C-alpha cells in the first residue's frame, strides 16, 4: 500500500471515530449539532473527496470508498446505537457517493489523458 493511501485511510479513521467520539463528551445540544453536522455535511463531502482521491488511481484505491462507508457504520454503531439499521441507509448513500465520484474521476482522467 502506498504512503498517500495509508495516510488517507488513517485520516478517514480519525475523522469517523474522532468526530462522534468527541461529540459524546459534549452537552446534549452540542452532541445533536455534531451528529447532524457529520451526517449531512462532513460525511457526504468526505465521501466525495475520498472518491475523487481514489479515482486518481482507481485500480489500486477503489476500496477506499468502501472503507470510508464501513468506518462510518462502525463509528455510528459504537458511539450512537449498536445494530441500528437506519445507519445502513446512510452507509449505502455514502458508498454510492464515493463509488460514483471514483468512477467519474477515473473516466475524466482517462478522457483527458488521451488528449
N, C-alpha and C. Protein backbone atom coordinates (compact mmCIF):
# COMPACT_ATOMS: atom_id res chain seq x y z
N UNK A 1 0.85 -1.16 0.00
CA UNK A 1 0.00 0.00 0.00
C UNK A 1 0.91 1.23 0.00
N UNK A 2 0.59 2.16 -0.86
CA UNK A 2 1.44 3.34 -0.93
C UNK A 2 1.15 4.30 0.22
N UNK A 3 2.09 5.18 0.44
CA UNK A 3 2.05 6.06 1.61
C UNK A 3 0.84 7.01 1.59
N UNK A 4 0.51 7.58 0.42
CA UNK A 4 -0.62 8.51 0.33
C UNK A 4 -1.93 7.81 0.70
N UNK A 5 -2.09 6.58 0.24
CA UNK A 5 -3.30 5.83 0.53
C UNK A 5 -3.41 5.51 2.01
N UNK A 6 -2.31 5.13 2.63
CA UNK A 6 -2.31 4.83 4.06
C UNK A 6 -2.63 6.08 4.87
N UNK A 7 -2.06 7.21 4.50
CA UNK A 7 -2.35 8.46 5.20
C UNK A 7 -3.83 8.83 5.04
N UNK A 8 -4.38 8.66 3.84
CA UNK A 8 -5.79 8.97 3.62
C UNK A 8 -6.68 8.07 4.47
N UNK A 9 -6.33 6.78 4.55
CA UNK A 9 -7.12 5.85 5.35
C UNK A 9 -7.05 6.20 6.84
N UNK A 10 -5.89 6.58 7.31
CA UNK A 10 -5.75 6.98 8.72
C UNK A 10 -6.53 8.27 9.01
N UNK A 11 -6.52 9.21 8.08
CA UNK A 11 -7.31 10.44 8.26
C UNK A 11 -8.80 10.13 8.26
N UNK A 12 -9.23 9.20 7.43
CA UNK A 12 -10.63 8.79 7.40
C UNK A 12 -11.03 8.17 8.73
N UNK A 13 -10.19 7.28 9.24
CA UNK A 13 -10.49 6.63 10.52
C UNK A 13 -10.52 7.65 11.65
N UNK A 14 -9.58 8.58 11.63
CA UNK A 14 -9.55 9.61 12.68
C UNK A 14 -10.78 10.50 12.60
N UNK A 15 -11.20 10.86 11.40
CA UNK A 15 -12.38 11.70 11.24
C UNK A 15 -13.63 10.98 11.68
N UNK A 16 -13.80 9.76 11.21
CA UNK A 16 -15.01 9.00 11.54
C UNK A 16 -15.11 8.71 13.04
N UNK A 17 -14.06 8.14 13.60
CA UNK A 17 -14.11 7.76 15.01
C UNK A 17 -13.95 8.97 15.93
N UNK A 18 -13.18 9.94 15.49
CA UNK A 18 -12.92 11.09 16.34
C UNK A 18 -14.08 12.04 16.47
N UNK A 19 -14.80 12.27 15.39
CA UNK A 19 -15.87 13.26 15.44
C UNK A 19 -17.02 12.80 16.34
N UNK A 20 -17.47 11.57 16.18
CA UNK A 20 -18.54 11.09 17.04
C UNK A 20 -18.04 10.82 18.45
N UNK A 21 -16.78 10.43 18.58
CA UNK A 21 -16.21 10.20 19.91
C UNK A 21 -16.12 11.47 20.72
N UNK A 22 -15.69 12.55 20.10
CA UNK A 22 -15.63 13.82 20.82
C UNK A 22 -17.01 14.41 21.04
N UNK A 23 -17.94 14.09 20.15
CA UNK A 23 -19.30 14.59 20.33
C UNK A 23 -19.96 13.97 21.56
N UNK A 24 -19.54 12.75 21.92
CA UNK A 24 -20.12 12.08 23.08
C UNK A 24 -19.81 12.79 24.40
N UNK A 25 -18.71 13.55 24.44
CA UNK A 25 -18.34 14.19 25.71
C UNK A 25 -18.87 15.61 25.82
N UNK A 26 -19.63 16.06 24.83
CA UNK A 26 -20.22 17.40 24.88
C UNK A 26 -21.60 17.34 25.52
N UNK A 27 -22.25 18.49 25.60
CA UNK A 27 -23.61 18.53 26.15
C UNK A 27 -24.58 17.91 25.15
N UNK A 28 -25.81 17.78 25.55
CA UNK A 28 -26.82 17.16 24.70
C UNK A 28 -27.04 17.97 23.43
N UNK A 29 -27.13 19.29 23.54
CA UNK A 29 -27.33 20.13 22.36
C UNK A 29 -26.11 20.08 21.44
N UNK A 30 -24.94 20.15 22.03
CA UNK A 30 -23.72 20.07 21.23
C UNK A 30 -23.58 18.72 20.54
N UNK A 31 -24.02 17.67 21.20
CA UNK A 31 -23.98 16.34 20.61
C UNK A 31 -24.88 16.26 19.38
N UNK A 32 -26.09 16.78 19.50
CA UNK A 32 -27.01 16.74 18.36
C UNK A 32 -26.50 17.56 17.19
N UNK A 33 -25.92 18.71 17.48
CA UNK A 33 -25.36 19.54 16.42
C UNK A 33 -24.21 18.81 15.73
N UNK A 34 -23.34 18.19 16.50
CA UNK A 34 -22.20 17.47 15.92
C UNK A 34 -22.66 16.28 15.09
N UNK A 35 -23.66 15.56 15.56
CA UNK A 35 -24.16 14.40 14.81
C UNK A 35 -24.82 14.84 13.51
N UNK A 36 -25.65 15.86 13.57
CA UNK A 36 -26.30 16.35 12.36
C UNK A 36 -25.28 16.92 11.38
N UNK A 37 -24.30 17.62 11.89
CA UNK A 37 -23.24 18.17 11.05
C UNK A 37 -22.46 17.05 10.37
N UNK A 38 -22.16 16.00 11.11
CA UNK A 38 -21.43 14.89 10.50
C UNK A 38 -22.28 14.15 9.47
N UNK A 39 -23.52 13.86 9.79
CA UNK A 39 -24.36 13.07 8.89
C UNK A 39 -24.70 13.81 7.59
N UNK A 40 -24.92 15.11 7.66
CA UNK A 40 -25.42 15.81 6.50
C UNK A 40 -24.42 16.74 5.81
N UNK A 41 -23.26 16.98 6.42
CA UNK A 41 -22.27 17.85 5.80
C UNK A 41 -20.92 17.14 5.65
N UNK A 42 -20.36 16.72 6.76
CA UNK A 42 -19.00 16.18 6.75
C UNK A 42 -18.92 14.85 6.00
N UNK A 43 -19.80 13.93 6.30
CA UNK A 43 -19.74 12.61 5.66
C UNK A 43 -19.96 12.65 4.14
N UNK A 44 -20.97 13.37 3.64
CA UNK A 44 -21.10 13.42 2.19
C UNK A 44 -19.90 14.09 1.51
N UNK A 45 -19.39 15.17 2.10
CA UNK A 45 -18.24 15.84 1.49
C UNK A 45 -16.98 14.97 1.57
N UNK A 46 -16.78 14.29 2.67
CA UNK A 46 -15.60 13.42 2.79
C UNK A 46 -15.73 12.22 1.86
N UNK A 47 -16.95 11.69 1.67
CA UNK A 47 -17.16 10.60 0.71
C UNK A 47 -16.85 11.06 -0.71
N UNK A 48 -17.25 12.27 -1.03
CA UNK A 48 -16.94 12.83 -2.34
C UNK A 48 -15.44 13.02 -2.51
N UNK A 49 -14.79 13.56 -1.50
CA UNK A 49 -13.33 13.76 -1.56
C UNK A 49 -12.59 12.43 -1.64
N UNK A 50 -13.06 11.44 -0.91
CA UNK A 50 -12.44 10.12 -0.96
C UNK A 50 -12.61 9.50 -2.35
N UNK A 51 -13.77 9.67 -2.94
CA UNK A 51 -13.99 9.16 -4.29
C UNK A 51 -13.10 9.84 -5.31
N UNK A 52 -12.93 11.14 -5.18
CA UNK A 52 -12.05 11.86 -6.11
C UNK A 52 -10.61 11.41 -5.92
N UNK A 53 -10.18 11.26 -4.67
CA UNK A 53 -8.82 10.79 -4.39
C UNK A 53 -8.62 9.37 -4.92
N UNK A 54 -9.60 8.52 -4.73
CA UNK A 54 -9.49 7.13 -5.19
C UNK A 54 -9.53 7.06 -6.72
N UNK A 55 -10.24 7.97 -7.35
CA UNK A 55 -10.34 7.96 -8.81
C UNK A 55 -9.05 8.29 -9.53
N UNK A 56 -8.10 8.93 -8.84
CA UNK A 56 -6.81 9.24 -9.46
C UNK A 56 -6.04 7.97 -9.77
N UNK A 57 -6.28 6.92 -9.01
CA UNK A 57 -5.68 5.63 -9.27
C UNK A 57 -6.72 4.57 -8.92
N UNK A 58 -7.74 4.50 -9.75
CA UNK A 58 -8.92 3.71 -9.45
C UNK A 58 -8.67 2.23 -9.26
N UNK A 59 -7.71 1.67 -9.97
CA UNK A 59 -7.48 0.23 -9.84
C UNK A 59 -6.87 -0.15 -8.50
N UNK A 60 -6.12 0.75 -7.89
CA UNK A 60 -5.48 0.44 -6.61
C UNK A 60 -6.22 1.02 -5.41
N UNK A 61 -7.06 2.04 -5.62
CA UNK A 61 -7.68 2.73 -4.49
C UNK A 61 -9.21 2.62 -4.45
N UNK A 62 -9.81 1.81 -5.26
CA UNK A 62 -11.27 1.75 -5.31
C UNK A 62 -11.87 1.38 -3.96
N UNK A 63 -11.14 0.63 -3.17
CA UNK A 63 -11.64 0.14 -1.90
C UNK A 63 -11.74 1.24 -0.84
N UNK A 64 -11.13 2.40 -1.08
CA UNK A 64 -11.20 3.48 -0.10
C UNK A 64 -12.63 3.97 0.13
N UNK A 65 -13.44 3.97 -0.92
CA UNK A 65 -14.84 4.40 -0.76
C UNK A 65 -15.61 3.42 0.12
N UNK A 66 -15.34 2.13 -0.04
CA UNK A 66 -15.99 1.13 0.81
C UNK A 66 -15.48 1.22 2.24
N UNK A 67 -14.18 1.44 2.41
CA UNK A 67 -13.61 1.56 3.75
C UNK A 67 -14.18 2.79 4.46
N UNK A 68 -14.36 3.87 3.72
CA UNK A 68 -14.94 5.09 4.28
C UNK A 68 -16.35 4.80 4.81
N UNK A 69 -17.16 4.13 4.02
CA UNK A 69 -18.53 3.84 4.43
C UNK A 69 -18.56 2.86 5.60
N UNK A 70 -17.70 1.86 5.59
CA UNK A 70 -17.68 0.91 6.69
C UNK A 70 -17.19 1.54 7.99
N UNK A 71 -16.23 2.45 7.88
CA UNK A 71 -15.78 3.16 9.09
C UNK A 71 -16.89 4.05 9.65
N UNK A 72 -17.70 4.64 8.76
CA UNK A 72 -18.85 5.41 9.24
C UNK A 72 -19.82 4.50 9.99
N UNK A 73 -20.13 3.35 9.41
CA UNK A 73 -21.06 2.42 10.05
C UNK A 73 -20.51 1.95 11.40
N UNK A 74 -19.25 1.62 11.43
CA UNK A 74 -18.62 1.18 12.67
C UNK A 74 -18.67 2.27 13.74
N UNK A 75 -18.32 3.49 13.37
CA UNK A 75 -18.31 4.57 14.36
C UNK A 75 -19.72 4.92 14.84
N UNK A 76 -20.69 4.88 13.95
CA UNK A 76 -22.05 5.20 14.39
C UNK A 76 -22.62 4.09 15.26
N UNK A 77 -22.26 2.84 15.01
CA UNK A 77 -22.71 1.76 15.87
C UNK A 77 -22.00 1.80 17.22
N UNK A 78 -20.74 2.21 17.24
CA UNK A 78 -20.01 2.27 18.51
C UNK A 78 -20.51 3.42 19.38
N UNK A 79 -20.63 4.61 18.80
CA UNK A 79 -20.91 5.80 19.60
C UNK A 79 -22.38 6.17 19.70
N UNK A 80 -23.23 5.68 18.80
CA UNK A 80 -24.64 6.07 18.86
C UNK A 80 -25.51 4.92 19.35
N UNK A 81 -25.76 3.93 18.51
CA UNK A 81 -26.57 2.80 18.95
C UNK A 81 -26.19 1.58 18.13
N UNK A 82 -25.77 0.55 18.81
CA UNK A 82 -25.29 -0.66 18.16
C UNK A 82 -26.44 -1.38 17.44
N UNK A 83 -26.21 -1.75 16.19
CA UNK A 83 -27.17 -2.53 15.43
C UNK A 83 -28.33 -1.75 14.85
N UNK A 84 -28.34 -0.45 14.96
CA UNK A 84 -29.43 0.36 14.41
C UNK A 84 -29.37 0.30 12.88
N UNK A 85 -30.44 -0.17 12.27
CA UNK A 85 -30.44 -0.39 10.82
C UNK A 85 -30.55 0.90 10.02
N UNK A 86 -30.99 1.99 10.64
CA UNK A 86 -31.08 3.26 9.92
C UNK A 86 -29.72 3.74 9.45
N UNK A 87 -28.67 3.38 10.18
CA UNK A 87 -27.32 3.79 9.77
C UNK A 87 -26.87 3.08 8.49
N UNK A 88 -27.49 1.94 8.20
CA UNK A 88 -27.16 1.25 6.94
C UNK A 88 -27.58 2.07 5.73
N UNK A 89 -28.67 2.79 5.83
CA UNK A 89 -29.11 3.64 4.72
C UNK A 89 -28.11 4.76 4.46
N UNK A 90 -27.65 5.39 5.53
CA UNK A 90 -26.62 6.42 5.38
C UNK A 90 -25.35 5.81 4.78
N UNK A 91 -24.99 4.62 5.24
CA UNK A 91 -23.79 3.95 4.74
C UNK A 91 -23.90 3.68 3.25
N UNK A 92 -25.06 3.23 2.81
CA UNK A 92 -25.25 2.96 1.38
C UNK A 92 -25.19 4.24 0.55
N UNK A 93 -25.74 5.32 1.07
CA UNK A 93 -25.68 6.60 0.36
C UNK A 93 -24.25 7.09 0.26
N UNK A 94 -23.49 7.00 1.36
CA UNK A 94 -22.09 7.43 1.33
C UNK A 94 -21.26 6.54 0.43
N UNK A 95 -21.58 5.25 0.38
CA UNK A 95 -20.89 4.33 -0.52
C UNK A 95 -21.18 4.69 -1.97
N UNK A 96 -22.44 5.01 -2.27
CA UNK A 96 -22.80 5.40 -3.63
C UNK A 96 -22.11 6.70 -4.03
N UNK A 97 -22.05 7.67 -3.14
CA UNK A 97 -21.36 8.93 -3.43
C UNK A 97 -19.88 8.66 -3.71
N UNK A 98 -19.25 7.86 -2.87
CA UNK A 98 -17.83 7.56 -3.04
C UNK A 98 -17.53 6.80 -4.31
N UNK A 99 -18.30 5.75 -4.60
CA UNK A 99 -18.03 4.96 -5.80
C UNK A 99 -18.35 5.72 -7.07
N UNK A 100 -19.42 6.51 -7.04
CA UNK A 100 -19.77 7.30 -8.22
C UNK A 100 -18.72 8.37 -8.51
N UNK A 101 -18.24 9.02 -7.48
CA UNK A 101 -17.20 10.03 -7.70
C UNK A 101 -15.87 9.38 -8.10
N UNK A 102 -15.60 8.17 -7.62
CA UNK A 102 -14.41 7.43 -8.07
C UNK A 102 -14.51 7.14 -9.56
N UNK A 103 -15.66 6.66 -9.98
CA UNK A 103 -15.85 6.31 -11.38
C UNK A 103 -15.78 7.55 -12.28
N UNK A 104 -16.42 8.64 -11.87
CA UNK A 104 -16.40 9.86 -12.68
C UNK A 104 -14.98 10.42 -12.79
N UNK A 105 -14.24 10.41 -11.69
CA UNK A 105 -12.86 10.90 -11.72
C UNK A 105 -11.99 10.04 -12.61
N UNK A 106 -12.16 8.72 -12.52
CA UNK A 106 -11.37 7.81 -13.36
C UNK A 106 -11.69 8.01 -14.84
N UNK A 107 -12.97 8.19 -15.16
CA UNK A 107 -13.35 8.42 -16.56
C UNK A 107 -12.83 9.76 -17.07
N UNK A 108 -12.89 10.78 -16.24
CA UNK A 108 -12.37 12.09 -16.64
C UNK A 108 -10.86 12.05 -16.85
N UNK A 109 -10.16 11.35 -15.99
CA UNK A 109 -8.70 11.23 -16.16
C UNK A 109 -8.36 10.48 -17.43
N UNK A 110 -9.13 9.43 -17.71
CA UNK A 110 -8.88 8.65 -18.91
C UNK A 110 -9.16 9.48 -20.17
N UNK A 111 -10.24 10.27 -20.13
CA UNK A 111 -10.60 11.08 -21.29
C UNK A 111 -9.55 12.16 -21.55
N UNK A 112 -9.12 12.84 -20.49
CA UNK A 112 -8.18 13.93 -20.68
C UNK A 112 -6.74 13.44 -20.84
N UNK A 113 -6.46 12.21 -20.50
CA UNK A 113 -5.11 11.66 -20.71
C UNK A 113 -4.88 11.34 -22.18
N UNK A 114 -5.94 11.07 -22.93
CA UNK A 114 -5.82 10.76 -24.35
C UNK A 114 -5.52 12.00 -25.19
N UNK A 115 -5.79 13.17 -24.66
CA UNK A 115 -5.58 14.40 -25.43
C UNK A 115 -4.16 14.79 -25.48
